[in-house]
Amino acid sequence: AAFDVSRQTFRLEKYPEYKAGRSATPDEFRGQIDITKEVLGARGITVLAEAGFEADDVIATLATQAEDEGYRVLVVTGDRDSLQL
């Protein structure tokens, strides 16, 4: 499972208007992230996050590496930004 660390990414540094129209993350959602990570970890699911990158970037990198090694890859997400994966 991949998570964003913050909204400060390399894309924002190169293009300050990146996701400028997005609303702030609701506090209720933010408060659930750590709990979700704990539950996933307790179930033996690897949790990944990399500063400066979005979760999409982490997923795309892992999917590409796995395909290069001959694995069949399926990405499951509700994030529309990931449709190109």
PDB file of N, CA and C in Angstrom:
ATOM      1  N   ALA A   1       0.853  -1.169   0.000  1.00  0.00           N
ATOM      2  CA  ALA A   1       0.000   0.000   0.000  1.00  0.00           C
ATOM      3  C   ALA A   1       0.897   1.230   0.000  1.00  0.00           C
ATOM      4  N   ALA A   2       0.568   2.190  -0.848  1.00  0.00           N
ATOM      5  CA  ALA A   2       1.382   3.400  -0.959  1.00  0.00           C
ATOM      6  C   ALA A   2       0.577   4.612  -0.497  1.00  0.00           C
ATOM      7  N   PHE A   3       1.268   5.513   0.183  1.00  0.00           N
ATOM      8  CA  PHE A   3       0.642   6.720   0.715  1.00  0.00           C
ATOM      9  C   PHE A   3       1.471   7.943   0.355  1.00  0.00           C
ATOM     10  N   ASP A   4       0.804   9.091   0.243  1.00  0.00           N
ATOM     11  CA  ASP A   4       1.508  10.363   0.080  1.00  0.00           C
ATOM     12  C   ASP A   4       2.082  10.771   1.430  1.00  0.00           C
ATOM     13  N   VAL A   5       3.259  11.400   1.404  1.00  0.00           N
ATOM     14  CA  VAL A   5       3.852  11.927   2.634  1.00  0.00           C
ATOM     15  C   VAL A   5       3.298  13.330   2.876  1.00  0.00           C
ATOM     16  N   SER A   6       3.300  14.150   1.831  1.00  0.00           N
ATOM     17  CA  SER A   6       2.747  15.505   1.907  1.00  0.00           C
ATOM     18  C   SER A   6       2.415  15.954   0.496  1.00  0.00           C
ATOM     19  N   ARG A   7       1.890  17.142   0.384  1.00  0.00           N
ATOM     20  CA  ARG A   7       1.591  17.680  -0.956  1.00  0.00           C
ATOM     21  C   ARG A   7       2.816  18.331  -1.588  1.00  0.00           C
ATOM     22  N   GLN A   8       3.895  18.422  -0.857  1.00  0.00           N
ATOM     23  CA  GLN A   8       5.129  19.018  -1.376  1.00  0.00           C
ATOM     24  C   GLN A   8       5.888  17.963  -2.175  1.00  0.00           C
ATOM     25  N   THR A   9       5.748  18.011  -3.510  1.00  0.00           N
ATOM     26  CA  THR A   9       6.397  17.027  -4.366  1.00  0.00           C
ATOM     27  C   THR A   9       7.285  17.717  -5.386  1.00  0.00           C
ATOM     28  N   PHE A  10       8.051  16.917  -6.095  1.00  0.00           N
ATOM     29  CA  PHE A  10       8.933  17.470  -7.123  1.00  0.00           C
ATOM     30  C   PHE A  10       8.121  18.167  -8.211  1.00  0.00           C
ATOM     31  N   ARG A  11       6.904  17.722  -8.473  1.00  0.00           N
ATOM     32  CA  ARG A  11       6.069  18.368  -9.489  1.00  0.00           C
ATOM     33  C   ARG A  11       5.680  19.783  -9.059  1.00  0.00           C
ATOM     34  N   LEU A  12       5.362  19.946  -7.796  1.00  0.00           N
ATOM     35  CA  LEU A  12       4.987  21.259  -7.282  1.00  0.00           C
ATOM     36  C   LEU A  12       6.173  22.222  -7.341  1.00  0.00           C
ATOM     37  N   GLU A  13       7.371  21.709  -7.108  1.00  0.00           N
ATOM     38  CA  GLU A  13       8.568  22.548  -7.199  1.00  0.00           C
ATOM     39  C   GLU A  13       8.782  23.036  -8.628  1.00  0.00           C
ATOM     40  N   LYS A  14       8.510  22.180  -9.618  1.00  0.00           N
ATOM     41  CA  LYS A  14       8.720  22.541 -11.023  1.00  0.00           C
ATOM     42  C   LYS A  14       7.557  23.351 -11.595  1.00  0.00           C
ATOM     43  N   TYR A  15       6.374  23.107 -11.079  1.00  0.00           N
ATOM     44  CA  TYR A  15       5.171  23.755 -11.585  1.00  0.00           C
ATOM     45  C   TYR A  15       4.280  24.135 -10.403  1.00  0.00           C
ATOM     46  N   PRO A  16       4.432  25.360  -9.883  1.00  0.00           N
ATOM     47  CA  PRO A  16       3.700  25.788  -8.679  1.00  0.00           C
ATOM     48  C   PRO A  16       2.177  25.690  -8.782  1.00  0.00           C
ATOM     49  N   GLU A  17       1.635  25.683  -9.989  1.00  0.00           N
ATOM     50  CA  GLU A  17       0.184  25.594 -10.164  1.00  0.00           C
ATOM     51  C   GLU A  17      -0.323  24.155 -10.136  1.00  0.00           C
ATOM     52  N   TYR A  18       0.570  23.192  -9.978  1.00  0.00           N
ATOM     53  CA  TYR A  18       0.177  21.782  -9.958  1.00  0.00           C
ATOM     54  C   TYR A  18      -0.818  21.537  -8.830  1.00  0.00           C
ATOM     55  N   LYS A  19      -1.973  21.040  -9.194  1.00  0.00           N
ATOM     56  CA  LYS A  19      -3.068  20.751  -8.258  1.00  0.00           C
ATOM     57  C   LYS A  19      -3.497  21.980  -7.446  1.00  0.00           C
ATOM     58  N   ALA A  20      -3.333  23.171  -8.036  1.00  0.00           N
ATOM     59  CA  ALA A  20      -3.661  24.411  -7.328  1.00  0.00           C
ATOM     60  C   ALA A  20      -5.146  24.518  -6.997  1.00  0.00           C
ATOM     61  N   GLY A  21      -5.996  23.909  -7.806  1.00  0.00           N
ATOM     62  CA  GLY A  21      -7.430  24.007  -7.582  1.00  0.00           C
ATOM     63  C   GLY A  21      -7.980  22.985  -6.600  1.00  0.00           C
ATOM     64  N   ARG A  22      -7.125  22.151  -6.062  1.00  0.00           N
ATOM     65  CA  ARG A  22      -7.584  21.095  -5.148  1.00  0.00           C
ATOM     66  C   ARG A  22      -7.914  21.668  -3.778  1.00  0.00           C
ATOM     67  N   SER A  23      -8.945  21.120  -3.169  1.00  0.00           N
ATOM     68  CA  SER A  23      -9.297  21.546  -1.815  1.00  0.00           C
ATOM     69  C   SER A  23      -8.384  20.839  -0.814  1.00  0.00           C
ATOM     70  N   ALA A  24      -8.333  21.371   0.377  1.00  0.00           N
ATOM     71  CA  ALA A  24      -7.495  20.783   1.427  1.00  0.00           C
ATOM     72  C   ALA A  24      -8.042  19.415   1.822  1.00  0.00           C
ATOM     73  N   THR A  25      -7.155  18.566   2.286  1.00  0.00           N
ATOM     74  CA  THR A  25      -7.561  17.242   2.758  1.00  0.00           C
ATOM     75  C   THR A  25      -8.380  17.409   4.032  1.00  0.00           C
ATOM     76  N   PRO A  26      -9.570  16.817   4.088  1.00  0.00           N
ATOM     77  CA  PRO A  26     -10.399  16.946   5.299  1.00  0.00           C
ATOM     78  C   PRO A  26      -9.688  16.368   6.522  1.00  0.00           C
ATOM     79  N   ASP A  27      -9.841  17.026   7.658  1.00  0.00           N
ATOM     80  CA  ASP A  27      -9.207  16.570   8.897  1.00  0.00           C
ATOM     81  C   ASP A  27      -9.620  15.145   9.253  1.00  0.00           C
ATOM     82  N   GLU A  28     -10.894  14.798   8.987  1.00  0.00           N
ATOM     83  CA  GLU A  28     -11.374  13.451   9.314  1.00  0.00           C
ATOM     84  C   GLU A  28     -10.583  12.401   8.543  1.00  0.00           C
ATOM     85  N   PHE A  29     -10.282  12.704   7.283  1.00  0.00           N
ATOM     86  CA  PHE A  29      -9.525  11.765   6.455  1.00  0.00           C
ATOM     87  C   PHE A  29      -8.087  11.669   6.943  1.00  0.00           C
ATOM     88  N   ARG A  30      -7.493  12.824   7.186  1.00  0.00           N
ATOM     89  CA  ARG A  30      -6.097  12.848   7.644  1.00  0.00           C
ATOM     90  C   ARG A  30      -5.915  12.034   8.922  1.00  0.00           C
ATOM     91  N   GLY A  31      -6.890  12.106   9.808  1.00  0.00           N
ATOM     92  CA  GLY A  31      -6.817  11.384  11.070  1.00  0.00           C
ATOM     93  C   GLY A  31      -6.910   9.877  10.916  1.00  0.00           C
ATOM     94  N   GLN A  32      -7.407   9.416   9.786  1.00  0.00           N
ATOM     95  CA  GLN A  32      -7.555   7.980   9.556  1.00  0.00           C
ATOM     96  C   GLN A  32      -6.330   7.344   8.906  1.00  0.00           C
ATOM     97  N   ILE A  33      -5.446   8.155   8.362  1.00  0.00           N
ATOM     98  CA  ILE A  33      -4.288   7.628   7.631  1.00  0.00           C
ATOM     99  C   ILE A  33      -3.390   6.786   8.527  1.00  0.00           C
ATOM    100  N   ASP A  34      -3.005   7.312   9.678  1.00  0.00           N
ATOM    101  CA  ASP A  34      -2.114   6.559  10.573  1.00  0.00           C
ATOM    102  C   ASP A  34      -2.764   5.263  11.054  1.00  0.00           C
ATOM    103  N   ILE A  35      -4.055   5.324  11.335  1.00  0.00           N
ATOM    104  CA  ILE A  35      -4.772   4.118  11.765  1.00  0.00           C
ATOM    105  C   ILE A  35      -4.763   3.081  10.642  1.00  0.00           C
ATOM    106  N   THR A  36      -5.021   3.536   9.428  1.00  0.00           N
ATOM    107  CA  THR A  36      -5.023   2.636   8.273  1.00  0.00           C
ATOM    108  C   THR A  36      -3.659   1.992   8.084  1.00  0.00           C
ATOM    109  N   LYS A  37      -2.603   2.786   8.207  1.00  0.00           N
ATOM    110  CA  LYS A  37      -1.246   2.244   8.069  1.00  0.00           C
ATOM    111  C   LYS A  37      -0.967   1.189   9.138  1.00  0.00           C
ATOM    112  N   GLU A  38      -1.414   1.448  10.361  1.00  0.00           N
ATOM    113  CA  GLU A  38      -1.212   0.482  11.456  1.00  0.00           C
ATOM    114  C   GLU A  38      -1.938  -0.831  11.177  1.00  0.00           C
ATOM    115  N   VAL A  39      -3.176  -0.732  10.721  1.00  0.00           N
ATOM    116  CA  VAL A  39      -3.960  -1.937  10.430  1.00  0.00           C
ATOM    117  C   VAL A  39      -3.318  -2.726   9.290  1.00  0.00           C
ATOM    118  N   LEU A  40      -2.912  -2.033   8.243  1.00  0.00           N
ATOM    119  CA  LEU A  40      -2.260  -2.715   7.121  1.00  0.00           C
ATOM    120  C   LEU A  40      -0.987  -3.421   7.578  1.00  0.00           C
ATOM    121  N   GLY A  41      -0.170  -2.721   8.350  1.00  0.00           N
ATOM    122  CA  GLY A  41       1.061  -3.314   8.868  1.00  0.00           C
ATOM    123  C   GLY A  41       0.791  -4.530   9.732  1.00  0.00           C
ATOM    124  N   ALA A  42      -0.236  -4.449  10.565  1.00  0.00           N
ATOM    125  CA  ALA A  42      -0.599  -5.574  11.432  1.00  0.00           C
ATOM    126  C   ALA A  42      -1.060  -6.783  10.620  1.00  0.00           C
ATOM    127  N   ARG A  43      -1.588  -6.531   9.430  1.00  0.00           N
ATOM    128  CA  ARG A  43      -2.044  -7.614   8.553  1.00  0.00           C
ATOM    129  C   ARG A  43      -0.921  -8.119   7.645  1.00  0.00           C
ATOM    130  N   GLY A  44       0.281  -7.560   7.823  1.00  0.00           N
ATOM    131  CA  GLY A  44       1.421  -8.006   7.026  1.00  0.00           C
ATOM    132  C   GLY A  44       1.523  -7.362   5.659  1.00  0.00           C
ATOM    133  N   ILE A  45       0.796  -6.271   5.466  1.00  0.00           N
ATOM    134  CA  ILE A  45       0.824  -5.565   4.186  1.00  0.00           C
ATOM    135  C   ILE A  45       1.868  -4.459   4.268  1.00  0.00           C
ATOM    136  N   THR A  46       2.781  -4.459   3.315  1.00  0.00           N
ATOM    137  CA  THR A  46       3.836  -3.453   3.281  1.00  0.00           C
ATOM    138  C   THR A  46       3.233  -2.080   3.011  1.00  0.00           C
ATOM    139  N   VAL A  47       3.680  -1.097   3.770  1.00  0.00           N
ATOM    140  CA  VAL A  47       3.227   0.286   3.619  1.00  0.00           C
ATOM    141  C   VAL A  47       4.419   1.116   3.167  1.00  0.00           C
ATOM    142  N   LEU A  48       4.252   1.827   2.045  1.00  0.00           N
ATOM    143  CA  LEU A  48       5.334   2.624   1.479  1.00  0.00           C
ATOM    144  C   LEU A  48       4.916   4.078   1.323  1.00  0.00           C
ATOM    145  N   ALA A  49       5.870   4.977   1.545  1.00  0.00           N
ATOM    146  CA  ALA A  49       5.689   6.409   1.309  1.00  0.00           C
ATOM    147  C   ALA A  49       7.076   6.998   1.123  1.00  0.00           C
ATOM    148  N   GLU A  50       7.212   7.910   0.176  1.00  0.00           N
ATOM    149  CA  GLU A  50       8.518   8.497  -0.115  1.00  0.00           C
ATOM    150  C   GLU A  50       8.367  10.013  -0.193  1.00  0.00           C
ATOM    151  N   ALA A  51       9.115  10.727   0.631  1.00  0.00           N
ATOM    152  CA  ALA A  51       9.052  12.191   0.641  1.00  0.00           C
ATOM    153  C   ALA A  51       9.375  12.741  -0.745  1.00  0.00           C
ATOM    154  N   GLY A  52       8.600  13.733  -1.170  1.00  0.00           N
ATOM    155  CA  GLY A  52       8.828  14.372  -2.457  1.00  0.00           C
ATOM    156  C   GLY A  52       8.114  13.698  -3.616  1.00  0.00           C
ATOM    157  N   PHE A  53       7.464  12.569  -3.346  1.00  0.00           N
ATOM    158  CA  PHE A  53       6.768  11.826  -4.392  1.00  0.00           C
ATOM    159  C   PHE A  53       5.345  11.515  -3.952  1.00  0.00           C
ATOM    160  N   GLU A  54       4.459  11.386  -4.927  1.00  0.00           N
ATOM    161  CA  GLU A  54       3.093  10.980  -4.632  1.00  0.00           C
ATOM    162  C   GLU A  54       3.031   9.458  -4.581  1.00  0.00           C
ATOM    163  N   ALA A  55       2.002   8.949  -3.951  1.00  0.00           N
ATOM    164  CA  ALA A  55       1.807   7.497  -3.899  1.00  0.00           C
ATOM    165  C   ALA A  55       1.746   6.925  -5.317  1.00  0.00           C
ATOM    166  N   ASP A  56       1.158   7.676  -6.250  1.00  0.00           N
ATOM    167  CA  ASP A  56       1.094   7.234  -7.650  1.00  0.00           C
ATOM    168  C   ASP A  56       2.486   6.961  -8.209  1.00  0.00           C
ATOM    169  N   ASP A  57       3.442   7.816  -7.848  1.00  0.00           N
ATOM    170  CA  ASP A  57       4.815   7.648  -8.333  1.00  0.00           C
ATOM    171  C   ASP A  57       5.433   6.368  -7.794  1.00  0.00           C
ATOM    172  N   VAL A  58       5.187   6.098  -6.524  1.00  0.00           N
ATOM    173  CA  VAL A  58       5.714   4.880  -5.889  1.00  0.00           C
ATOM    174  C   VAL A  58       5.105   3.656  -6.566  1.00  0.00           C
ATOM    175  N   ILE A  59       3.794   3.694  -6.776  1.00  0.00           N
ATOM    176  CA  ILE A  59       3.101   2.571  -7.412  1.00  0.00           C
ATOM    177  C   ILE A  59       3.604   2.369  -8.838  1.00  0.00           C
ATOM    178  N   ALA A  60       3.729   3.450  -9.597  1.00  0.00           N
ATOM    179  CA  ALA A  60       4.196   3.344 -10.983  1.00  0.00           C
ATOM    180  C   ALA A  60       5.603   2.762 -11.052  1.00  0.00           C
ATOM    181  N   THR A  61       6.472   3.194 -10.150  1.00  0.00           N
ATOM    182  CA  THR A  61       7.845   2.679 -10.126  1.00  0.00           C
ATOM    183  C   THR A  61       7.858   1.188  -9.825  1.00  0.00           C
ATOM    184  N   LEU A  62       7.126   0.778  -8.803  1.00  0.00           N
ATOM    185  CA  LEU A  62       7.084  -0.641  -8.438  1.00  0.00           C
ATOM    186  C   LEU A  62       6.441  -1.486  -9.537  1.00  0.00           C
ATOM    187  N   ALA A  63       5.371  -0.978 -10.149  1.00  0.00           N
ATOM    188  CA  ALA A  63       4.697  -1.717 -11.217  1.00  0.00           C
ATOM    189  C   ALA A  63       5.622  -1.899 -12.414  1.00  0.00           C
ATOM    190  N   THR A  64       6.341  -0.852 -12.776  1.00  0.00           N
ATOM    191  CA  THR A  64       7.276  -0.931 -13.900  1.00  0.00           C
ATOM    192  C   THR A  64       8.392  -1.924 -13.613  1.00  0.00           C
ATOM    193  N   GLN A  65       8.957  -1.849 -12.417  1.00  0.00           N
ATOM    194  CA  GLN A  65      10.029  -2.779 -12.047  1.00  0.00           C
ATOM    195  C   GLN A  65       9.532  -4.222 -12.048  1.00  0.00           C
ATOM    196  N   ALA A  66       8.335  -4.442 -11.522  1.00  0.00           N
ATOM    197  CA  ALA A  66       7.785  -5.800 -11.469  1.00  0.00           C
ATOM    198  C   ALA A  66       7.519  -6.338 -12.874  1.00  0.00           C
ATOM    199  N   GLU A  67       6.957  -5.503 -13.753  1.00  0.00           N
ATOM    200  CA  GLU A  67       6.718  -5.938 -15.133  1.00  0.00           C
ATOM    201  C   GLU A  67       8.024  -6.258 -15.837  1.00  0.00           C
ATOM    202  N   ASP A  68       9.039  -5.432 -15.598  1.00  0.00           N
ATOM    203  CA  ASP A  68      10.358  -5.677 -16.200  1.00  0.00           C
ATOM    204  C   ASP A  68      10.938  -7.017 -15.761  1.00  0.00           C
ATOM    205  N   GLU A  69      10.535  -7.480 -14.585  1.00  0.00           N
ATOM    206  CA  GLU A  69      11.020  -8.760 -14.063  1.00  0.00           C
ATOM    207  C   GLU A  69      10.082  -9.914 -14.419  1.00  0.00           C
ATOM    208  N   GLY A  70       9.063  -9.622 -15.239  1.00  0.00           N
ATOM    209  CA  GLY A  70       8.186 -10.682 -15.720  1.00  0.00           C
ATOM    210  C   GLY A  70       6.924 -10.923 -14.919  1.00  0.00           C
ATOM    211  N   TYR A  71       6.658 -10.086 -13.917  1.00  0.00           N
ATOM    212  CA  TYR A  71       5.440 -10.248 -13.124  1.00  0.00           C
ATOM    213  C   TYR A  71       4.248  -9.640 -13.855  1.00  0.00           C
ATOM    214  N   ARG A  72       3.087 -10.220 -13.641  1.00  0.00           N
ATOM    215  CA  ARG A  72       1.841  -9.633 -14.116  1.00  0.00           C
ATOM    216  C   ARG A  72       1.386  -8.676 -13.019  1.00  0.00           C
ATOM    217  N   VAL A  73       1.071  -7.447 -13.365  1.00  0.00           N
ATOM    218  CA  VAL A  73       0.780  -6.413 -12.367  1.00  0.00           C
ATOM    219  C   VAL A  73      -0.667  -5.947 -12.480  1.00  0.00           C
ATOM    220  N   LEU A  74      -1.321  -5.810 -11.340  1.00  0.00           N
ATOM    221  CA  LEU A  74      -2.665  -5.259 -11.257  1.00  0.00           C
ATOM    222  C   LEU A  74      -2.652  -4.182 -10.180  1.00  0.00           C
ATOM    223  N   VAL A  75      -3.000  -2.967 -10.568  1.00  0.00           N
ATOM    224  CA  VAL A  75      -3.064  -1.855  -9.616  1.00  0.00           C
ATOM    225  C   VAL A  75      -4.532  -1.630  -9.275  1.00  0.00           C
ATOM    226  N   VAL A  76      -4.849  -1.659  -7.987  1.00  0.00           N
ATOM    227  CA  VAL A  76      -6.219  -1.444  -7.527  1.00  0.00           C
ATOM    228  C   VAL A  76      -6.244  -0.139  -6.740  1.00  0.00           C
ATOM    229  N   THR A  77      -7.008   0.832  -7.225  1.00  0.00           N
ATOM    230  CA  THR A  77      -7.078   2.135  -6.580  1.00  0.00           C
ATOM    231  C   THR A  77      -8.360   2.846  -6.991  1.00  0.00           C
ATOM    232  N   GLY A  78      -8.782   3.759  -6.163  1.00  0.00           N
ATOM    233  CA  GLY A  78      -9.906   4.620  -6.495  1.00  0.00           C
ATOM    234  C   GLY A  78      -9.430   5.983  -6.968  1.00  0.00           C
ATOM    235  N   ASP A  79      -8.126   6.160  -7.062  1.00  0.00           N
ATOM    236  CA  ASP A  79      -7.522   7.437  -7.444  1.00  0.00           C
ATOM    237  C   ASP A  79      -7.539   7.584  -8.961  1.00  0.00           C
ATOM    238  N   ARG A  80      -8.290   8.542  -9.462  1.00  0.00           N
ATOM    239  CA  ARG A  80      -8.388   8.740 -10.913  1.00  0.00           C
ATOM    240  C   ARG A  80      -7.070   9.170 -11.534  1.00  0.00           C
ATOM    241  N   ASP A  81      -6.169   9.753 -10.747  1.00  0.00           N
ATOM    242  CA  ASP A  81      -4.859  10.134 -11.276  1.00  0.00           C
ATOM    243  C   ASP A  81      -4.050   8.913 -11.697  1.00  0.00           C
ATOM    244  N   SER A  82      -4.426   7.754 -11.216  1.00  0.00           N
ATOM    245  CA  SER A  82      -3.670   6.529 -11.493  1.00  0.00           C
ATOM    246  C   SER A  82      -4.189   5.767 -12.706  1.00  0.00           C
ATOM    247  N   LEU A  83      -5.196   6.282 -13.377  1.00  0.00           N
ATOM    248  CA  LEU A  83      -5.779   5.552 -14.502  1.00  0.00           C
ATOM    249  C   LEU A  83      -4.764   5.262 -15.602  1.00  0.00           C
ATOM    250  N   GLN A  84      -3.773   6.128 -15.789  1.00  0.00           N
ATOM    251  CA  GLN A  84      -2.776   5.895 -16.833  1.00  0.00           C
ATOM    252  C   GLN A  84      -1.868   4.720 -16.506  1.00  0.00           C
ATOM    253  N   LEU A  85      -1.842   4.278 -15.247  1.00  0.00           N
ATOM    254  CA  LEU A  85      -1.023   3.129 -14.877  1.00  0.00           C
ATOM    255  C   LEU A  85      -1.648   1.858 -15.415  1.00  0.00           C
TER     256      LEU A  85
END
